[in-house]
């Protein structure tokens, strides 16, 4: 299987992966790689000192709306990420799986809780 490495530091030009805009840029690159046949996408977090759930939701969380967990487990890898950031990524992935499993129901619950009709 061919590998495509995405260096997050080079992609966003910063040691802080914090914005949804940067996450969206990374997401688009990841999807482009995953659309190729027999390709594993490797996200390299070397030189990244700060990661937020905002960035991770945009870059990785929304992948679960487009792809299934088995596909992503096989074709997407993260390397050189700090231990605490890996824990945050795990939470983001768990929430994304739960959300996209029953998106309409969760959206309706949120609207009801906020009083939106």
C-alpha atoms as a PDB file:
ATOM      1  CA  UNK A   1       0.000   0.000   0.000  1.00  0.00           C
ATOM      2  CA  UNK A   2       1.348   3.410  -0.996  1.00  0.00           C
ATOM      3  CA  UNK A   3       1.722   6.031   1.744  1.00  0.00           C
ATOM      4  CA  UNK A   4       0.971   9.739   1.568  1.00  0.00           C
ATOM      5  CA  UNK A   5       2.479  11.718   4.443  1.00  0.00           C
ATOM      6  CA  UNK A   6       0.895  14.990   5.449  1.00  0.00           C
ATOM      7  CA  UNK A   7       3.113  17.089   7.694  1.00  0.00           C
ATOM      8  CA  UNK A   8       0.633  19.163   9.706  1.00  0.00           C
ATOM      9  CA  UNK A   9       3.288  21.748  10.650  1.00  0.00           C
ATOM     10  CA  UNK A  10       4.104  22.370   6.986  1.00  0.00           C
ATOM     11  CA  UNK A  11       0.409  22.272   6.027  1.00  0.00           C
ATOM     12  CA  UNK A  12      -0.682  24.965   8.481  1.00  0.00           C
ATOM     13  CA  UNK A  13       2.606  26.864   8.885  1.00  0.00           C
ATOM     14  CA  UNK A  14       2.361  26.962  12.654  1.00  0.00           C
ATOM     15  CA  UNK A  15       3.204  24.985  15.791  1.00  0.00           C
ATOM     16  CA  UNK A  16      -0.422  25.420  16.912  1.00  0.00           C
ATOM     17  CA  UNK A  17      -3.128  23.330  15.245  1.00  0.00           C
ATOM     18  CA  UNK A  18      -6.076  25.245  16.657  1.00  0.00           C
ATOM     19  CA  UNK A  19      -8.420  26.670  14.028  1.00  0.00           C
ATOM     20  CA  UNK A  20     -11.242  25.020  12.130  1.00  0.00           C
ATOM     21  CA  UNK A  21      -9.901  26.670   8.957  1.00  0.00           C
ATOM     22  CA  UNK A  22      -6.569  24.873   9.335  1.00  0.00           C
ATOM     23  CA  UNK A  23      -8.468  21.701  10.170  1.00  0.00           C
ATOM     24  CA  UNK A  24     -10.546  22.085   7.017  1.00  0.00           C
ATOM     25  CA  UNK A  25      -7.367  22.472   4.910  1.00  0.00           C
ATOM     26  CA  UNK A  26      -6.004  19.279   6.438  1.00  0.00           C
ATOM     27  CA  UNK A  27      -9.351  17.496   5.967  1.00  0.00           C
ATOM     28  CA  UNK A  28      -9.359  18.320   2.244  1.00  0.00           C
ATOM     29  CA  UNK A  29      -5.823  16.952   1.865  1.00  0.00           C
ATOM     30  CA  UNK A  30      -6.716  13.807   3.812  1.00  0.00           C
ATOM     31  CA  UNK A  31      -9.815  13.166   1.675  1.00  0.00           C
ATOM     32  CA  UNK A  32      -7.809  13.685  -1.511  1.00  0.00           C
ATOM     33  CA  UNK A  33      -5.378  11.010  -0.317  1.00  0.00           C
ATOM     34  CA  UNK A  34      -8.090   8.605   0.829  1.00  0.00           C
ATOM     35  CA  UNK A  35      -9.843   8.862  -2.527  1.00  0.00           C
ATOM     36  CA  UNK A  36      -6.820   7.246  -4.178  1.00  0.00           C
ATOM     37  CA  UNK A  37      -6.820   3.468  -4.433  1.00  0.00           C
ATOM     38  CA  UNK A  38      -4.557   1.510  -2.047  1.00  0.00           C
ATOM     39  CA  UNK A  39      -3.216   4.563  -0.230  1.00  0.00           C
ATOM     40  CA  UNK A  40      -2.596   5.013   3.483  1.00  0.00           C
ATOM     41  CA  UNK A  41      -2.620   8.625   4.694  1.00  0.00           C
ATOM     42  CA  UNK A  42      -0.192   9.379   7.508  1.00  0.00           C
ATOM     43  CA  UNK A  43      -0.650  12.573   9.510  1.00  0.00           C
ATOM     44  CA  UNK A  44       2.641  13.684  11.006  1.00  0.00           C
ATOM     45  CA  UNK A  45       2.398  16.024  14.000  1.00  0.00           C
ATOM     46  CA  UNK A  46       6.142  16.709  14.362  1.00  0.00           C
ATOM     47  CA  UNK A  47       6.744  20.285  15.646  1.00  0.00           C
ATOM     48  CA  UNK A  48       3.093  20.725  16.632  1.00  0.00           C
ATOM     49  CA  UNK A  49       3.031  22.016  20.210  1.00  0.00           C
ATOM     50  CA  UNK A  50      -0.695  22.728  20.623  1.00  0.00           C
ATOM     51  CA  UNK A  51      -3.723  20.870  19.260  1.00  0.00           C
ATOM     52  CA  UNK A  52      -7.360  21.750  19.966  1.00  0.00           C
ATOM     53  CA  UNK A  53     -10.556  19.776  19.517  1.00  0.00           C
ATOM     54  CA  UNK A  54     -11.685  22.495  17.077  1.00  0.00           C
ATOM     55  CA  UNK A  55      -8.836  21.586  14.723  1.00  0.00           C
ATOM     56  CA  UNK A  56      -9.284  17.831  15.239  1.00  0.00           C
ATOM     57  CA  UNK A  57     -13.041  17.953  14.638  1.00  0.00           C
ATOM     58  CA  UNK A  58     -12.519  19.774  11.347  1.00  0.00           C
ATOM     59  CA  UNK A  59      -9.534  17.688  10.198  1.00  0.00           C
ATOM     60  CA  UNK A  60     -10.437  14.209  11.416  1.00  0.00           C
ATOM     61  CA  UNK A  61     -13.831  14.115  13.147  1.00  0.00           C
ATOM     62  CA  UNK A  62     -15.824  14.918  10.026  1.00  0.00           C
ATOM     63  CA  UNK A  63     -14.122  12.036   8.178  1.00  0.00           C
ATOM     64  CA  UNK A  64     -16.535   9.759  10.068  1.00  0.00           C
ATOM     65  CA  UNK A  65     -19.429  11.300   8.143  1.00  0.00           C
ATOM     66  CA  UNK A  66     -17.847  10.224   4.863  1.00  0.00           C
ATOM     67  CA  UNK A  67     -16.044   6.986   5.775  1.00  0.00           C
ATOM     68  CA  UNK A  68     -16.625   4.085   8.136  1.00  0.00           C
ATOM     69  CA  UNK A  69     -14.433   3.274  11.126  1.00  0.00           C
ATOM     70  CA  UNK A  70     -12.910   0.097   9.605  1.00  0.00           C
ATOM     71  CA  UNK A  71     -11.872   2.029   6.473  1.00  0.00           C
ATOM     72  CA  UNK A  72     -10.283   4.843   8.503  1.00  0.00           C
ATOM     73  CA  UNK A  73      -8.574   2.416  10.887  1.00  0.00           C
ATOM     74  CA  UNK A  74      -6.922   0.758   7.889  1.00  0.00           C
ATOM     75  CA  UNK A  75      -6.150   3.832   5.796  1.00  0.00           C
ATOM     76  CA  UNK A  76      -5.428   6.688   8.243  1.00  0.00           C
ATOM     77  CA  UNK A  77      -2.552   6.832  10.704  1.00  0.00           C
ATOM     78  CA  UNK A  78      -1.324   9.512  13.091  1.00  0.00           C
ATOM     79  CA  UNK A  79       2.318   9.756  14.093  1.00  0.00           C
ATOM     80  CA  UNK A  80       4.453  11.938  16.350  1.00  0.00           C
ATOM     81  CA  UNK A  81       1.484  13.256  18.324  1.00  0.00           C
ATOM     82  CA  UNK A  82       1.939  14.070  22.020  1.00  0.00           C
ATOM     83  CA  UNK A  83       0.278  11.635  24.452  1.00  0.00           C
ATOM     84  CA  UNK A  84      -2.223  14.218  25.749  1.00  0.00           C
ATOM     85  CA  UNK A  85      -3.129  15.154  22.179  1.00  0.00           C
ATOM     86  CA  UNK A  86      -3.719  11.469  21.343  1.00  0.00           C
ATOM     87  CA  UNK A  87      -6.167  11.332  24.263  1.00  0.00           C
ATOM     88  CA  UNK A  88      -7.976  14.390  22.867  1.00  0.00           C
ATOM     89  CA  UNK A  89      -8.043  12.791  19.401  1.00  0.00           C
ATOM     90  CA  UNK A  90      -9.599   9.650  20.883  1.00  0.00           C
ATOM     91  CA  UNK A  91     -12.390  11.736  22.452  1.00  0.00           C
ATOM     92  CA  UNK A  92     -12.974  13.623  19.182  1.00  0.00           C
ATOM     93  CA  UNK A  93     -13.218  10.336  17.254  1.00  0.00           C
ATOM     94  CA  UNK A  94     -15.615   8.801  19.793  1.00  0.00           C
ATOM     95  CA  UNK A  95     -17.885  11.863  19.662  1.00  0.00           C
ATOM     96  CA  UNK A  96     -17.767  11.969  15.856  1.00  0.00           C
ATOM     97  CA  UNK A  97     -18.723   8.292  15.575  1.00  0.00           C
ATOM     98  CA  UNK A  98     -21.621   8.800  17.979  1.00  0.00           C
ATOM     99  CA  UNK A  99     -22.798  11.977  16.260  1.00  0.00           C
ATOM    100  CA  UNK A 100     -22.670  10.685  12.696  1.00  0.00           C
ATOM    101  CA  UNK A 101     -24.295   7.398  13.703  1.00  0.00           C
ATOM    102  CA  UNK A 102     -27.571   9.234  14.368  1.00  0.00           C
ATOM    103  CA  UNK A 103     -27.027  12.829  13.241  1.00  0.00           C
ATOM    104  CA  UNK A 104     -30.707  13.721  12.733  1.00  0.00           C
ATOM    105  CA  UNK A 105     -31.679  12.587  16.238  1.00  0.00           C
ATOM    106  CA  UNK A 106     -28.819  14.476  17.879  1.00  0.00           C
ATOM    107  CA  UNK A 107     -29.525  17.643  15.845  1.00  0.00           C
ATOM    108  CA  UNK A 108     -33.194  17.464  16.889  1.00  0.00           C
ATOM    109  CA  UNK A 109     -32.193  17.047  20.554  1.00  0.00           C
ATOM    110  CA  UNK A 110     -29.888  20.058  20.351  1.00  0.00           C
ATOM    111  CA  UNK A 111     -32.580  22.211  18.743  1.00  0.00           C
ATOM    112  CA  UNK A 112     -35.095  21.140  21.375  1.00  0.00           C
ATOM    113  CA  UNK A 113     -32.637  21.893  24.204  1.00  0.00           C
ATOM    114  CA  UNK A 114     -31.920  25.341  22.766  1.00  0.00           C
ATOM    115  CA  UNK A 115     -35.582  26.076  22.162  1.00  0.00           C
ATOM    116  CA  UNK A 116     -35.117  26.419  18.389  1.00  0.00           C
ATOM    117  CA  UNK A 117     -38.001  25.329  16.222  1.00  0.00           C
END
